[in-house]
Amino acid sequence: RTVDASYLKHFNQAVLNLELNLQEER
């Protein structure tokens, strides 16, 4: 459960960073 929670947090962070990068590129 703790691994899932931290993994999800990092995954969400990665997705947010990706979206920010896409917006900057646009």
PDB file of all heavy atoms in Angstrom:
ATOM      1  N   ARG A   1       0.837  -1.198   0.000  1.00  0.00           N
ATOM      2  CA  ARG A   1       0.000   0.000   0.000  1.00  0.00           C
ATOM      3  C   ARG A   1       0.874   1.251   0.000  1.00  0.00           C
ATOM      4  O   ARG A   1       0.615   2.199  -0.723  1.00  0.00           O
ATOM      5  CB  ARG A   1      -0.927  -0.018   1.223  1.00  0.00           C
ATOM      6  CG  ARG A   1      -2.167   0.833   1.025  1.00  0.00           C
ATOM      7  CD  ARG A   1      -3.155   0.652   2.177  1.00  0.00           C
ATOM      8  NE  ARG A   1      -3.637  -0.702   2.289  1.00  0.00           N
ATOM      9  CZ  ARG A   1      -3.622  -1.428   3.410  1.00  0.00           C
ATOM     10  NH1 ARG A   1      -3.145  -0.903   4.515  1.00  0.00           N
ATOM     11  NH2 ARG A   1      -4.091  -2.651   3.425  1.00  0.00           N
ATOM     12  N   THR A   2       1.922   1.272   0.831  1.00  0.00           N
ATOM     13  CA  THR A   2       2.777   2.457   0.882  1.00  0.00           C
ATOM     14  C   THR A   2       3.539   2.616  -0.423  1.00  0.00           C
ATOM     15  O   THR A   2       3.701   3.721  -0.922  1.00  0.00           O
ATOM     16  CB  THR A   2       3.771   2.379   2.061  1.00  0.00           C
ATOM     17  OG1 THR A   2       4.479   1.145   1.972  1.00  0.00           O
ATOM     18  CG2 THR A   2       3.057   2.459   3.392  1.00  0.00           C
ATOM     19  N   VAL A   3       3.986   1.513  -1.007  1.00  0.00           N
ATOM     20  CA  VAL A   3       4.683   1.583  -2.289  1.00  0.00           C
ATOM     21  C   VAL A   3       3.746   2.135  -3.355  1.00  0.00           C
ATOM     22  O   VAL A   3       4.127   3.010  -4.124  1.00  0.00           O
ATOM     23  CB  VAL A   3       5.221   0.192  -2.691  1.00  0.00           C
ATOM     24  CG1 VAL A   3       5.644   0.182  -4.160  1.00  0.00           C
ATOM     25  CG2 VAL A   3       6.393  -0.194  -1.811  1.00  0.00           C
ATOM     26  N   ASP A   4       2.519   1.649  -3.381  1.00  0.00           N
ATOM     27  CA  ASP A   4       1.543   2.139  -4.356  1.00  0.00           C
ATOM     28  C   ASP A   4       1.322   3.638  -4.195  1.00  0.00           C
ATOM     29  O   ASP A   4       1.274   4.368  -5.175  1.00  0.00           O
ATOM     30  CB  ASP A   4       0.212   1.397  -4.201  1.00  0.00           C
ATOM     31  CG  ASP A   4       0.287  -0.010  -4.769  1.00  0.00           C
ATOM     32  OD1 ASP A   4       1.299  -0.326  -5.417  1.00  0.00           O
ATOM     33  OD2 ASP A   4      -0.654  -0.782  -4.558  1.00  0.00           O
ATOM     34  N   ALA A   5       1.201   4.086  -2.952  1.00  0.00           N
ATOM     35  CA  ALA A   5       0.931   5.503  -2.706  1.00  0.00           C
ATOM     36  C   ALA A   5       2.081   6.367  -3.203  1.00  0.00           C
ATOM     37  O   ALA A   5       1.855   7.355  -3.900  1.00  0.00           O
ATOM     38  CB  ALA A   5       0.698   5.740  -1.215  1.00  0.00           C
ATOM     39  N   SER A   6       3.305   5.992  -2.882  1.00  0.00           N
ATOM     40  CA  SER A   6       4.443   6.803  -3.322  1.00  0.00           C
ATOM     41  C   SER A   6       4.612   6.704  -4.828  1.00  0.00           C
ATOM     42  O   SER A   6       4.948   7.690  -5.486  1.00  0.00           O
ATOM     43  CB  SER A   6       5.726   6.369  -2.612  1.00  0.00           C
ATOM     44  OG  SER A   6       6.053   5.048  -2.951  1.00  0.00           O
ATOM     45  N   TYR A   7       4.355   5.530  -5.378  1.00  0.00           N
ATOM     46  CA  TYR A   7       4.465   5.363  -6.840  1.00  0.00           C
ATOM     47  C   TYR A   7       3.444   6.253  -7.542  1.00  0.00           C
ATOM     48  O   TYR A   7       3.775   6.942  -8.505  1.00  0.00           O
ATOM     49  CB  TYR A   7       4.243   3.902  -7.214  1.00  0.00           C
ATOM     50  CG  TYR A   7       4.133   3.700  -8.705  1.00  0.00           C
ATOM     51  CD1 TYR A   7       5.277   3.683  -9.497  1.00  0.00           C
ATOM     52  CD2 TYR A   7       2.891   3.551  -9.319  1.00  0.00           C
ATOM     53  CE1 TYR A   7       5.188   3.519 -10.869  1.00  0.00           C
ATOM     54  CE2 TYR A   7       2.798   3.381 -10.681  1.00  0.00           C
ATOM     55  CZ  TYR A   7       3.941   3.365 -11.452  1.00  0.00           C
ATOM     56  OH  TYR A   7       3.838   3.211 -12.807  1.00  0.00           O
ATOM     57  N   LEU A   8       2.224   6.250  -7.021  1.00  0.00           N
ATOM     58  CA  LEU A   8       1.171   7.068  -7.630  1.00  0.00           C
ATOM     59  C   LEU A   8       1.526   8.540  -7.541  1.00  0.00           C
ATOM     60  O   LEU A   8       1.294   9.297  -8.477  1.00  0.00           O
ATOM     61  CB  LEU A   8      -0.163   6.803  -6.934  1.00  0.00           C
ATOM     62  CG  LEU A   8      -0.928   5.578  -7.438  1.00  0.00           C
ATOM     63  CD1 LEU A   8      -2.176   5.357  -6.597  1.00  0.00           C
ATOM     64  CD2 LEU A   8      -1.300   5.734  -8.904  1.00  0.00           C
ATOM     65  N   LYS A   9       2.099   8.946  -6.387  1.00  0.00           N
ATOM     66  CA  LYS A   9       2.470  10.346  -6.226  1.00  0.00           C
ATOM     67  C   LYS A   9       3.504  10.730  -7.280  1.00  0.00           C
ATOM     68  O   LYS A   9       3.381  11.758  -7.938  1.00  0.00           O
ATOM     69  CB  LYS A   9       3.022  10.572  -4.812  1.00  0.00           C
ATOM     70  CG  LYS A   9       3.040  12.034  -4.400  1.00  0.00           C
ATOM     71  CD  LYS A   9       3.250  12.182  -2.909  1.00  0.00           C
ATOM     72  CE  LYS A   9       4.650  11.767  -2.524  1.00  0.00           C
ATOM     73  NZ  LYS A   9       4.924  12.015  -1.099  1.00  0.00           N
ATOM     74  N   HIS A  10       4.523   9.878  -7.467  1.00  0.00           N
ATOM     75  CA  HIS A  10       5.547  10.168  -8.451  1.00  0.00           C
ATOM     76  C   HIS A  10       4.975  10.134  -9.868  1.00  0.00           C
ATOM     77  O   HIS A  10       5.344  10.941 -10.704  1.00  0.00           O
ATOM     78  CB  HIS A  10       6.702   9.160  -8.335  1.00  0.00           C
ATOM     79  CG  HIS A  10       7.521   9.354  -7.109  1.00  0.00           C
ATOM     80  ND1 HIS A  10       7.852   8.325  -6.269  1.00  0.00           N
ATOM     81  CD2 HIS A  10       8.060  10.458  -6.561  1.00  0.00           C
ATOM     82  CE1 HIS A  10       8.568   8.797  -5.269  1.00  0.00           C
ATOM     83  NE2 HIS A  10       8.709  10.086  -5.419  1.00  0.00           N
ATOM     84  N   PHE A  11       4.068   9.202 -10.094  1.00  0.00           N
ATOM     85  CA  PHE A  11       3.453   9.096 -11.419  1.00  0.00           C
ATOM     86  C   PHE A  11       2.655  10.362 -11.732  1.00  0.00           C
ATOM     87  O   PHE A  11       2.770  10.929 -12.818  1.00  0.00           O
ATOM     88  CB  PHE A  11       2.551   7.867 -11.472  1.00  0.00           C
ATOM     89  CG  PHE A  11       1.886   7.684 -12.800  1.00  0.00           C
ATOM     90  CD1 PHE A  11       2.598   7.198 -13.872  1.00  0.00           C
ATOM     91  CD2 PHE A  11       0.547   8.001 -12.966  1.00  0.00           C
ATOM     92  CE1 PHE A  11       1.995   7.033 -15.110  1.00  0.00           C
ATOM     93  CE2 PHE A  11      -0.068   7.841 -14.198  1.00  0.00           C
ATOM     94  CZ  PHE A  11       0.666   7.351 -15.266  1.00  0.00           C
ATOM     95  N   ASN A  12       1.870  10.815 -10.749  1.00  0.00           N
ATOM     96  CA  ASN A  12       1.083  12.039 -10.942  1.00  0.00           C
ATOM     97  C   ASN A  12       1.998  13.223 -11.207  1.00  0.00           C
ATOM     98  O   ASN A  12       1.716  14.063 -12.055  1.00  0.00           O
ATOM     99  CB  ASN A  12       0.212  12.314  -9.713  1.00  0.00           C
ATOM    100  CG  ASN A  12      -0.957  11.351  -9.640  1.00  0.00           C
ATOM    101  OD1 ASN A  12      -1.359  10.776 -10.635  1.00  0.00           O
ATOM    102  ND2 ASN A  12      -1.504  11.185  -8.447  1.00  0.00           N
ATOM    103  N   GLN A  13       3.124  13.274 -10.469  1.00  0.00           N
ATOM    104  CA  GLN A  13       4.074  14.360 -10.653  1.00  0.00           C
ATOM    105  C   GLN A  13       4.655  14.322 -12.062  1.00  0.00           C
ATOM    106  O   GLN A  13       4.797  15.347 -12.721  1.00  0.00           O
ATOM    107  CB  GLN A  13       5.203  14.241  -9.609  1.00  0.00           C
ATOM    108  CG  GLN A  13       6.000  15.512  -9.435  1.00  0.00           C
ATOM    109  CD  GLN A  13       5.154  16.663  -8.934  1.00  0.00           C
ATOM    110  OE1 GLN A  13       4.367  16.519  -8.000  1.00  0.00           O
ATOM    111  NE2 GLN A  13       5.298  17.810  -9.553  1.00  0.00           N
ATOM    112  N   ALA A  14       4.971  13.121 -12.530  1.00  0.00           N
ATOM    113  CA  ALA A  14       5.537  12.967 -13.870  1.00  0.00           C
ATOM    114  C   ALA A  14       4.532  13.408 -14.926  1.00  0.00           C
ATOM    115  O   ALA A  14       4.890  14.075 -15.896  1.00  0.00           O
ATOM    116  CB  ALA A  14       5.949  11.516 -14.097  1.00  0.00           C
ATOM    117  N   VAL A  15       3.274  13.037 -14.738  1.00  0.00           N
ATOM    118  CA  VAL A  15       2.231  13.431 -15.689  1.00  0.00           C
ATOM    119  C   VAL A  15       2.077  14.946 -15.708  1.00  0.00           C
ATOM    120  O   VAL A  15       1.984  15.561 -16.778  1.00  0.00           O
ATOM    121  CB  VAL A  15       0.894  12.744 -15.338  1.00  0.00           C
ATOM    122  CG1 VAL A  15      -0.245  13.352 -16.151  1.00  0.00           C
ATOM    123  CG2 VAL A  15       1.000  11.248 -15.602  1.00  0.00           C
ATOM    124  N   LEU A  16       2.095  15.563 -14.532  1.00  0.00           N
ATOM    125  CA  LEU A  16       1.982  17.021 -14.466  1.00  0.00           C
ATOM    126  C   LEU A  16       3.150  17.684 -15.174  1.00  0.00           C
ATOM    127  O   LEU A  16       2.967  18.638 -15.926  1.00  0.00           O
ATOM    128  CB  LEU A  16       1.937  17.481 -13.003  1.00  0.00           C
ATOM    129  CG  LEU A  16       0.597  17.291 -12.290  1.00  0.00           C
ATOM    130  CD1 LEU A  16       0.730  17.653 -10.818  1.00  0.00           C
ATOM    131  CD2 LEU A  16      -0.486  18.124 -12.948  1.00  0.00           C
ATOM    132  N   ASN A  17       4.365  17.165 -14.940  1.00  0.00           N
ATOM    133  CA  ASN A  17       5.541  17.733 -15.599  1.00  0.00           C
ATOM    134  C   ASN A  17       5.427  17.597 -17.102  1.00  0.00           C
ATOM    135  O   ASN A  17       5.775  18.513 -17.851  1.00  0.00           O
ATOM    136  CB  ASN A  17       6.818  17.028 -15.099  1.00  0.00           C
ATOM    137  CG  ASN A  17       7.165  17.450 -13.679  1.00  0.00           C
ATOM    138  OD1 ASN A  17       6.714  18.475 -13.205  1.00  0.00           O
ATOM    139  ND2 ASN A  17       7.962  16.643 -13.015  1.00  0.00           N
ATOM    140  N   LEU A  18       4.937  16.443 -17.553  1.00  0.00           N
ATOM    141  CA  LEU A  18       4.777  16.205 -18.986  1.00  0.00           C
ATOM    142  C   LEU A  18       3.787  17.202 -19.578  1.00  0.00           C
ATOM    143  O   LEU A  18       4.035  17.795 -20.628  1.00  0.00           O
ATOM    144  CB  LEU A  18       4.291  14.775 -19.216  1.00  0.00           C
ATOM    145  CG  LEU A  18       4.208  14.329 -20.674  1.00  0.00           C
ATOM    146  CD1 LEU A  18       5.594  14.299 -21.300  1.00  0.00           C
ATOM    147  CD2 LEU A  18       3.547  12.967 -20.762  1.00  0.00           C
ATOM    148  N   GLU A  19       2.681  17.418 -18.883  1.00  0.00           N
ATOM    149  CA  GLU A  19       1.676  18.361 -19.371  1.00  0.00           C
ATOM    150  C   GLU A  19       2.240  19.778 -19.425  1.00  0.00           C
ATOM    151  O   GLU A  19       1.996  20.518 -20.377  1.00  0.00           O
ATOM    152  CB  GLU A  19       0.433  18.300 -18.489  1.00  0.00           C
ATOM    153  CG  GLU A  19      -0.382  17.031 -18.698  1.00  0.00           C
ATOM    154  CD  GLU A  19      -1.579  16.958 -17.775  1.00  0.00           C
ATOM    155  OE1 GLU A  19      -1.662  17.755 -16.821  1.00  0.00           O
ATOM    156  OE2 GLU A  19      -2.442  16.092 -18.020  1.00  0.00           O
ATOM    157  N   LEU A  20       3.021  20.152 -18.396  1.00  0.00           N
ATOM    158  CA  LEU A  20       3.632  21.478 -18.394  1.00  0.00           C
ATOM    159  C   LEU A  20       4.587  21.629 -19.567  1.00  0.00           C
ATOM    160  O   LEU A  20       4.606  22.654 -20.243  1.00  0.00           O
ATOM    161  CB  LEU A  20       4.382  21.714 -17.076  1.00  0.00           C
ATOM    162  CG  LEU A  20       3.509  22.062 -15.874  1.00  0.00           C
ATOM    163  CD1 LEU A  20       4.355  22.137 -14.618  1.00  0.00           C
ATOM    164  CD2 LEU A  20       2.788  23.387 -16.106  1.00  0.00           C
ATOM    165  N   ASN A  21       5.385  20.587 -19.810  1.00  0.00           N
ATOM    166  CA  ASN A  21       6.322  20.630 -20.936  1.00  0.00           C
ATOM    167  C   ASN A  21       5.579  20.766 -22.254  1.00  0.00           C
ATOM    168  O   ASN A  21       5.991  21.527 -23.131  1.00  0.00           O
ATOM    169  CB  ASN A  21       7.202  19.371 -20.955  1.00  0.00           C
ATOM    170  CG  ASN A  21       8.224  19.396 -19.835  1.00  0.00           C
ATOM    171  OD1 ASN A  21       8.536  20.441 -19.298  1.00  0.00           O
ATOM    172  ND2 ASN A  21       8.738  18.226 -19.490  1.00  0.00           N
ATOM    173  N   LEU A  22       4.478  20.037 -22.400  1.00  0.00           N
ATOM    174  CA  LEU A  22       3.699  20.122 -23.637  1.00  0.00           C
ATOM    175  C   LEU A  22       3.132  21.523 -23.819  1.00  0.00           C
ATOM    176  O   LEU A  22       3.134  22.069 -24.919  1.00  0.00           O
ATOM    177  CB  LEU A  22       2.569  19.088 -23.609  1.00  0.00           C
ATOM    178  CG  LEU A  22       3.007  17.642 -23.834  1.00  0.00           C
ATOM    179  CD1 LEU A  22       1.827  16.700 -23.609  1.00  0.00           C
ATOM    180  CD2 LEU A  22       3.542  17.463 -25.250  1.00  0.00           C
ATOM    181  N   GLN A  23       2.654  22.113 -22.725  1.00  0.00           N
ATOM    182  CA  GLN A  23       2.108  23.467 -22.815  1.00  0.00           C
ATOM    183  C   GLN A  23       3.193  24.456 -23.220  1.00  0.00           C
ATOM    184  O   GLN A  23       2.975  25.326 -24.056  1.00  0.00           O
ATOM    185  CB  GLN A  23       1.506  23.883 -21.464  1.00  0.00           C
ATOM    186  CG  GLN A  23       0.158  23.228 -21.188  1.00  0.00           C
ATOM    187  CD  GLN A  23      -0.366  23.573 -19.810  1.00  0.00           C
ATOM    188  OE1 GLN A  23       0.298  24.273 -19.056  1.00  0.00           O
ATOM    189  NE2 GLN A  23      -1.529  23.070 -19.475  1.00  0.00           N
ATOM    190  N   GLU A  24       4.397  24.304 -22.627  1.00  0.00           N
ATOM    191  CA  GLU A  24       5.494  25.204 -22.978  1.00  0.00           C
ATOM    192  C   GLU A  24       5.871  25.056 -24.443  1.00  0.00           C
ATOM    193  O   GLU A  24       6.113  26.038 -25.138  1.00  0.00           O
ATOM    194  CB  GLU A  24       6.709  24.919 -22.080  1.00  0.00           C
ATOM    195  CG  GLU A  24       6.523  25.414 -20.662  1.00  0.00           C
ATOM    196  CD  GLU A  24       7.681  25.031 -19.761  1.00  0.00           C
ATOM    197  OE1 GLU A  24       8.646  24.417 -20.245  1.00  0.00           O
ATOM    198  OE2 GLU A  24       7.609  25.337 -18.567  1.00  0.00           O
ATOM    199  N   GLU A  25       5.910  23.806 -24.926  1.00  0.00           N
ATOM    200  CA  GLU A  25       6.237  23.572 -26.337  1.00  0.00           C
ATOM    201  C   GLU A  25       5.188  24.215 -27.234  1.00  0.00           C
ATOM    202  O   GLU A  25       5.505  24.822 -28.252  1.00  0.00           O
ATOM    203  CB  GLU A  25       6.319  22.069 -26.620  1.00  0.00           C
ATOM    204  CG  GLU A  25       7.559  21.405 -26.046  1.00  0.00           C
ATOM    205  CD  GLU A  25       8.832  21.962 -26.636  1.00  0.00           C
ATOM    206  OE1 GLU A  25       8.881  22.195 -27.854  1.00  0.00           O
ATOM    207  OE2 GLU A  25       9.790  22.200 -25.869  1.00  0.00           O
ATOM    208  N   ARG A  26       3.914  24.107 -26.849  1.00  0.00           N
ATOM    209  CA  ARG A  26       2.838  24.676 -27.635  1.00  0.00           C
ATOM    210  C   ARG A  26       2.991  26.186 -27.702  1.00  0.00           C
ATOM    211  O   ARG A  26       2.808  26.820 -28.740  1.00  0.00           O
ATOM    212  CB  ARG A  26       1.490  24.277 -27.010  1.00  0.00           C
ATOM    213  CG  ARG A  26       0.407  24.085 -28.041  1.00  0.00           C
ATOM    214  CD  ARG A  26      -0.858  23.520 -27.426  1.00  0.00           C
ATOM    215  NE  ARG A  26      -0.730  22.122 -27.067  1.00  0.00           N
ATOM    216  CZ  ARG A  26      -1.116  21.601 -25.896  1.00  0.00           C
ATOM    217  NH1 ARG A  26      -1.669  22.353 -24.973  1.00  0.00           N
ATOM    218  NH2 ARG A  26      -0.968  20.325 -25.665  1.00  0.00           N
TER     219      ARG A  26
END
